[in-house]
N, C-alpha and C. Protein backbone atom coordinates (compact mmCIF):
# COMPACT_ATOMS: atom_id res chain seq x y z
N MET A 1 111.30 92.74 108.82
CA MET A 1 110.22 92.99 109.74
C MET A 1 110.42 92.08 110.95
N VAL A 2 110.15 92.64 112.13
CA VAL A 2 110.34 91.90 113.38
C VAL A 2 108.98 91.64 114.04
N PHE A 3 108.69 90.38 114.29
CA PHE A 3 107.45 90.00 114.96
C PHE A 3 107.77 89.48 116.36
N ASP A 4 106.99 89.92 117.34
CA ASP A 4 107.06 89.38 118.69
C ASP A 4 106.05 88.23 118.73
N ASP A 5 106.53 87.01 118.86
CA ASP A 5 105.65 85.84 118.81
C ASP A 5 104.56 85.87 119.88
N ALA A 6 104.89 86.32 121.08
CA ALA A 6 103.90 86.34 122.16
C ALA A 6 102.77 87.31 121.85
N LEU A 7 103.11 88.51 121.36
CA LEU A 7 102.08 89.49 121.01
C LEU A 7 101.24 88.99 119.84
N PHE A 8 101.90 88.48 118.82
CA PHE A 8 101.19 87.98 117.64
C PHE A 8 100.25 86.84 118.03
N ASP A 9 100.74 85.89 118.82
CA ASP A 9 99.92 84.76 119.25
C ASP A 9 98.72 85.22 120.07
N ALA A 10 98.91 86.21 120.94
CA ALA A 10 97.80 86.74 121.74
C ALA A 10 96.74 87.35 120.84
N ASP A 11 97.17 88.07 119.81
CA ASP A 11 96.22 88.68 118.89
C ASP A 11 95.47 87.64 118.08
N ILE A 12 96.16 86.58 117.68
CA ILE A 12 95.54 85.51 116.90
C ILE A 12 94.51 84.76 117.74
N GLU A 13 94.82 84.55 119.02
CA GLU A 13 93.91 83.82 119.90
C GLU A 13 92.55 84.49 120.05
N ARG A 14 92.52 85.81 120.03
CA ARG A 14 91.25 86.51 120.21
C ARG A 14 90.58 86.87 118.89
N ALA A 15 91.24 86.57 117.78
CA ALA A 15 90.70 86.90 116.45
C ALA A 15 89.72 85.83 115.97
N SER A 16 88.86 86.24 115.07
CA SER A 16 87.98 85.28 114.40
C SER A 16 88.83 84.40 113.49
N GLU A 17 88.23 83.36 112.97
CA GLU A 17 88.96 82.48 112.05
C GLU A 17 89.44 83.26 110.83
N ALA A 18 88.58 84.12 110.29
CA ALA A 18 88.95 84.93 109.13
C ALA A 18 90.08 85.90 109.48
N GLY A 19 90.01 86.48 110.67
CA GLY A 19 91.06 87.40 111.10
C GLY A 19 92.39 86.70 111.29
N ALA A 20 92.36 85.55 111.94
CA ALA A 20 93.59 84.80 112.17
C ALA A 20 94.23 84.39 110.84
N GLU A 21 93.40 83.98 109.89
CA GLU A 21 93.91 83.60 108.58
C GLU A 21 94.56 84.79 107.87
N ALA A 22 93.92 85.96 107.94
CA ALA A 22 94.47 87.17 107.31
C ALA A 22 95.79 87.57 107.96
N ALA A 23 95.86 87.47 109.28
CA ALA A 23 97.09 87.84 110.00
C ALA A 23 98.23 86.89 109.68
N ARG A 24 97.96 85.60 109.68
CA ARG A 24 99.00 84.62 109.38
C ARG A 24 99.52 84.78 107.94
N ALA A 25 98.61 85.01 106.99
CA ALA A 25 99.01 85.19 105.60
C ALA A 25 99.87 86.44 105.45
N ALA A 26 99.49 87.52 106.12
CA ALA A 26 100.27 88.76 106.05
C ALA A 26 101.65 88.55 106.66
N ARG A 27 101.70 87.90 107.81
CA ARG A 27 103.00 87.67 108.45
C ARG A 27 103.92 86.87 107.53
N LYS A 28 103.38 85.84 106.91
CA LYS A 28 104.19 85.01 106.01
C LYS A 28 104.72 85.86 104.85
N ARG A 29 103.86 86.70 104.27
CA ARG A 29 104.30 87.56 103.17
C ARG A 29 105.35 88.56 103.63
N PHE A 30 105.11 89.20 104.78
CA PHE A 30 106.00 90.25 105.27
C PHE A 30 107.35 89.69 105.69
N GLU A 31 107.36 88.53 106.31
CA GLU A 31 108.64 87.93 106.70
C GLU A 31 109.41 87.44 105.48
N GLY A 32 108.70 87.07 104.43
CA GLY A 32 109.35 86.58 103.23
C GLY A 32 109.92 87.68 102.35
N GLY A 33 109.25 88.82 102.30
CA GLY A 33 109.71 89.87 101.39
C GLY A 33 109.47 91.28 101.88
N GLY A 34 109.12 91.43 103.14
CA GLY A 34 108.83 92.76 103.67
C GLY A 34 107.43 93.20 103.32
N ALA A 35 107.00 94.26 103.96
CA ALA A 35 105.67 94.81 103.70
C ALA A 35 105.74 95.68 102.44
N PRO A 36 104.89 95.41 101.46
CA PRO A 36 104.90 96.23 100.24
C PRO A 36 104.59 97.69 100.55
N ARG A 37 105.39 98.59 100.02
CA ARG A 37 105.22 100.02 100.29
C ARG A 37 103.83 100.52 99.94
N ASP A 38 103.25 99.99 98.87
CA ASP A 38 101.93 100.49 98.45
C ASP A 38 100.81 100.04 99.40
N GLU A 39 101.10 99.14 100.35
CA GLU A 39 100.11 98.72 101.33
C GLU A 39 100.26 99.47 102.66
N LEU A 40 101.40 100.12 102.87
CA LEU A 40 101.66 100.82 104.13
C LEU A 40 100.99 102.18 104.13
N ARG A 41 100.33 102.49 105.24
CA ARG A 41 99.69 103.79 105.43
C ARG A 41 100.18 104.37 106.75
N LEU A 42 100.34 105.66 106.77
CA LEU A 42 100.77 106.34 107.99
C LEU A 42 99.63 106.40 108.99
N CYS A 43 99.87 106.00 110.22
CA CYS A 43 98.88 106.16 111.28
C CYS A 43 98.83 107.63 111.68
N GLU A 44 97.66 108.09 112.05
CA GLU A 44 97.56 109.45 112.58
C GLU A 44 98.30 109.49 113.90
N ALA A 45 99.03 110.57 114.16
CA ALA A 45 99.74 110.70 115.43
C ALA A 45 98.76 110.58 116.59
N GLU A 46 97.56 111.15 116.42
CA GLU A 46 96.50 110.98 117.41
C GLU A 46 95.20 110.76 116.65
N GLY A 47 94.67 109.55 116.77
CA GLY A 47 93.47 109.18 116.04
C GLY A 47 92.20 109.68 116.69
N SER A 48 91.10 109.54 115.96
CA SER A 48 89.80 110.02 116.43
C SER A 48 89.33 109.29 117.68
N GLU A 49 89.83 108.08 117.91
CA GLU A 49 89.44 107.32 119.10
C GLU A 49 90.39 107.59 120.27
N GLY A 50 91.35 108.50 120.07
CA GLY A 50 92.30 108.84 121.13
C GLY A 50 93.59 108.05 121.12
N ALA A 51 93.73 107.13 120.17
CA ALA A 51 94.97 106.35 120.09
C ALA A 51 96.11 107.24 119.61
N GLN A 52 97.21 107.19 120.31
CA GLN A 52 98.39 107.96 119.95
C GLN A 52 99.42 107.00 119.37
N LEU A 53 99.65 107.10 118.06
CA LEU A 53 100.51 106.16 117.36
C LEU A 53 101.54 106.87 116.48
N PRO A 54 102.33 107.77 117.06
CA PRO A 54 103.36 108.42 116.24
C PRO A 54 104.41 107.39 115.81
N HIS A 55 105.01 107.62 114.68
CA HIS A 55 106.06 106.73 114.13
C HIS A 55 105.52 105.33 113.84
N CYS A 56 104.22 105.25 113.55
CA CYS A 56 103.62 103.95 113.25
C CYS A 56 102.99 103.95 111.87
N LEU A 57 102.96 102.77 111.28
CA LEU A 57 102.31 102.54 110.00
C LEU A 57 101.25 101.47 110.19
N LYS A 58 100.32 101.41 109.27
CA LYS A 58 99.27 100.39 109.34
C LYS A 58 99.10 99.77 107.97
N VAL A 59 98.61 98.54 107.98
CA VAL A 59 98.22 97.86 106.75
C VAL A 59 96.81 97.33 106.95
N TYR A 60 96.02 97.38 105.91
CA TYR A 60 94.67 96.86 105.93
C TYR A 60 94.71 95.43 105.40
N LEU A 61 94.06 94.53 106.11
CA LEU A 61 94.08 93.12 105.76
C LEU A 61 92.68 92.55 105.63
N PRO A 62 92.43 91.73 104.64
CA PRO A 62 93.30 91.56 103.48
C PRO A 62 93.31 92.83 102.65
N PRO A 63 94.41 93.03 101.90
CA PRO A 63 94.52 94.23 101.08
C PRO A 63 93.46 94.22 99.98
N PRO A 64 93.02 95.34 99.51
CA PRO A 64 93.53 96.67 99.81
C PRO A 64 92.82 97.37 100.95
N ALA A 65 91.63 96.91 101.36
CA ALA A 65 90.89 97.66 102.39
C ALA A 65 90.07 96.74 103.28
N GLY A 66 90.66 95.61 103.69
CA GLY A 66 89.95 94.64 104.54
C GLY A 66 89.55 95.20 105.88
N ARG A 67 88.73 94.46 106.60
CA ARG A 67 88.22 94.93 107.89
C ARG A 67 89.22 94.79 109.03
N PHE A 68 90.33 94.09 108.77
CA PHE A 68 91.35 93.91 109.80
C PHE A 68 92.54 94.82 109.51
N GLY A 69 93.35 95.03 110.54
CA GLY A 69 94.52 95.86 110.37
C GLY A 69 95.68 95.38 111.22
N MET A 70 96.86 95.78 110.83
CA MET A 70 98.08 95.49 111.57
C MET A 70 98.81 96.82 111.74
N VAL A 71 99.24 97.09 112.96
CA VAL A 71 100.01 98.31 113.24
C VAL A 71 101.47 97.92 113.42
N LEU A 72 102.34 98.68 112.77
CA LEU A 72 103.78 98.44 112.78
C LEU A 72 104.47 99.72 113.23
N GLN A 73 105.52 99.58 114.00
CA GLN A 73 106.26 100.76 114.46
C GLN A 73 107.59 100.83 113.71
N VAL A 74 107.92 102.02 113.27
CA VAL A 74 109.20 102.24 112.60
C VAL A 74 110.25 102.44 113.69
N GLU A 75 111.34 101.68 113.58
CA GLU A 75 112.44 101.83 114.53
C GLU A 75 113.76 101.75 113.80
N VAL A 76 114.79 102.34 114.39
CA VAL A 76 116.12 102.32 113.80
C VAL A 76 117.01 101.45 114.67
N VAL A 77 117.61 100.45 114.04
CA VAL A 77 118.50 99.51 114.74
C VAL A 77 119.80 99.44 113.94
N GLY A 78 120.90 99.78 114.58
CA GLY A 78 122.19 99.73 113.90
C GLY A 78 122.25 100.64 112.69
N GLY A 79 121.58 101.78 112.78
CA GLY A 79 121.59 102.73 111.68
C GLY A 79 120.67 102.39 110.52
N ARG A 80 119.88 101.33 110.66
CA ARG A 80 118.96 100.91 109.60
C ARG A 80 117.53 100.90 110.12
N GLY A 81 116.63 101.32 109.27
CA GLY A 81 115.22 101.31 109.63
C GLY A 81 114.62 99.92 109.48
N GLN A 82 113.71 99.61 110.37
CA GLN A 82 112.97 98.35 110.27
C GLN A 82 111.58 98.55 110.84
N LEU A 83 110.70 97.64 110.52
CA LEU A 83 109.35 97.67 111.05
C LEU A 83 109.21 96.60 112.12
N ARG A 84 108.54 96.98 113.22
CA ARG A 84 108.30 96.05 114.33
C ARG A 84 106.80 95.91 114.52
N TYR A 85 106.35 94.68 114.61
CA TYR A 85 104.93 94.38 114.84
C TYR A 85 104.49 94.92 116.19
N VAL A 86 103.32 95.58 116.18
CA VAL A 86 102.75 96.10 117.43
C VAL A 86 101.43 95.42 117.75
N ALA A 87 100.52 95.32 116.75
CA ALA A 87 99.20 94.77 117.05
C ALA A 87 98.47 94.37 115.77
N PHE A 88 97.49 93.47 115.95
CA PHE A 88 96.58 93.05 114.88
C PHE A 88 95.18 93.02 115.47
N GLY A 89 94.20 93.37 114.66
CA GLY A 89 92.81 93.27 115.09
C GLY A 89 91.87 93.92 114.10
N VAL A 90 90.63 94.06 114.52
CA VAL A 90 89.61 94.71 113.70
C VAL A 90 89.90 96.20 113.67
N ARG A 91 89.79 96.80 112.47
CA ARG A 91 90.09 98.23 112.33
C ARG A 91 89.04 99.11 113.00
N HIS A 92 87.78 98.81 112.77
CA HIS A 92 86.72 99.64 113.34
C HIS A 92 85.54 98.75 113.70
N HIS A 93 85.01 98.96 114.89
CA HIS A 93 83.82 98.25 115.35
C HIS A 93 82.63 99.19 115.24
N PRO A 94 81.40 98.66 115.29
CA PRO A 94 80.22 99.53 115.30
C PRO A 94 80.30 100.51 116.48
N PRO A 95 79.75 101.71 116.32
CA PRO A 95 79.84 102.73 117.38
C PRO A 95 79.35 102.26 118.75
N GLU A 96 78.35 101.39 118.78
CA GLU A 96 77.79 100.94 120.06
C GLU A 96 78.63 99.85 120.73
N SER A 97 79.62 99.34 120.02
CA SER A 97 80.47 98.28 120.55
C SER A 97 81.50 98.84 121.52
N ASN A 98 81.81 98.07 122.51
CA ASN A 98 82.87 98.44 123.45
C ASN A 98 84.16 97.68 123.17
N ALA A 99 84.18 96.95 122.06
CA ALA A 99 85.36 96.15 121.71
C ALA A 99 86.51 97.06 121.31
N GLU A 100 87.71 96.62 121.61
CA GLU A 100 88.91 97.39 121.32
C GLU A 100 89.33 97.18 119.87
N THR A 101 89.69 98.26 119.19
CA THR A 101 90.18 98.18 117.82
C THR A 101 91.68 97.89 117.82
N VAL A 102 92.22 97.58 116.66
CA VAL A 102 93.66 97.37 116.54
C VAL A 102 94.42 98.61 116.98
N TYR A 103 93.84 99.79 116.75
CA TYR A 103 94.50 101.04 117.13
C TYR A 103 94.53 101.20 118.65
N GLY A 104 93.47 100.80 119.31
CA GLY A 104 93.44 100.84 120.77
C GLY A 104 94.42 99.86 121.38
N ILE A 105 94.50 98.67 120.79
CA ILE A 105 95.45 97.66 121.27
C ILE A 105 96.88 98.19 121.11
N ALA A 106 97.18 98.75 119.94
CA ALA A 106 98.52 99.29 119.69
C ALA A 106 98.85 100.41 120.66
N HIS A 107 97.89 101.31 120.88
CA HIS A 107 98.10 102.42 121.82
C HIS A 107 98.43 101.89 123.22
N ARG A 108 97.64 100.93 123.66
CA ARG A 108 97.86 100.35 125.01
C ARG A 108 99.23 99.71 125.11
N ARG A 109 99.63 98.99 124.08
CA ARG A 109 100.94 98.32 124.12
C ARG A 109 102.10 99.30 124.07
N LEU A 110 101.93 100.39 123.34
CA LEU A 110 103.02 101.36 123.23
C LEU A 110 103.05 102.36 124.38
N ARG A 111 101.89 102.64 124.95
CA ARG A 111 101.80 103.65 126.01
C ARG A 111 101.65 103.08 127.41
N GLY A 112 101.36 101.79 127.49
CA GLY A 112 101.23 101.14 128.80
C GLY A 112 99.92 101.34 129.47
């Protein structure tokens, strides 16, 4: 798994203490042994909030269904598949909130 330190650090800076702890623990696990297959879920190509995340997977943190999420993009490098970190954040906010979800952050980073 490949993490971009600048993106990860930016996500941690805006996270709550609980969120930052969940993200750091997941990163340590994933870098040590990869993301467990049973925790990976396919992102919808186009989500209900308008996020377009084709070729992306998500994990709920803490597992199995925590309030935080991490979006990972599947990429092929040298003929081998790998996962690349895209974003971390809250999976869903209350409907009246204008806060960006992890899916919105990932969409913005991938689509510009």
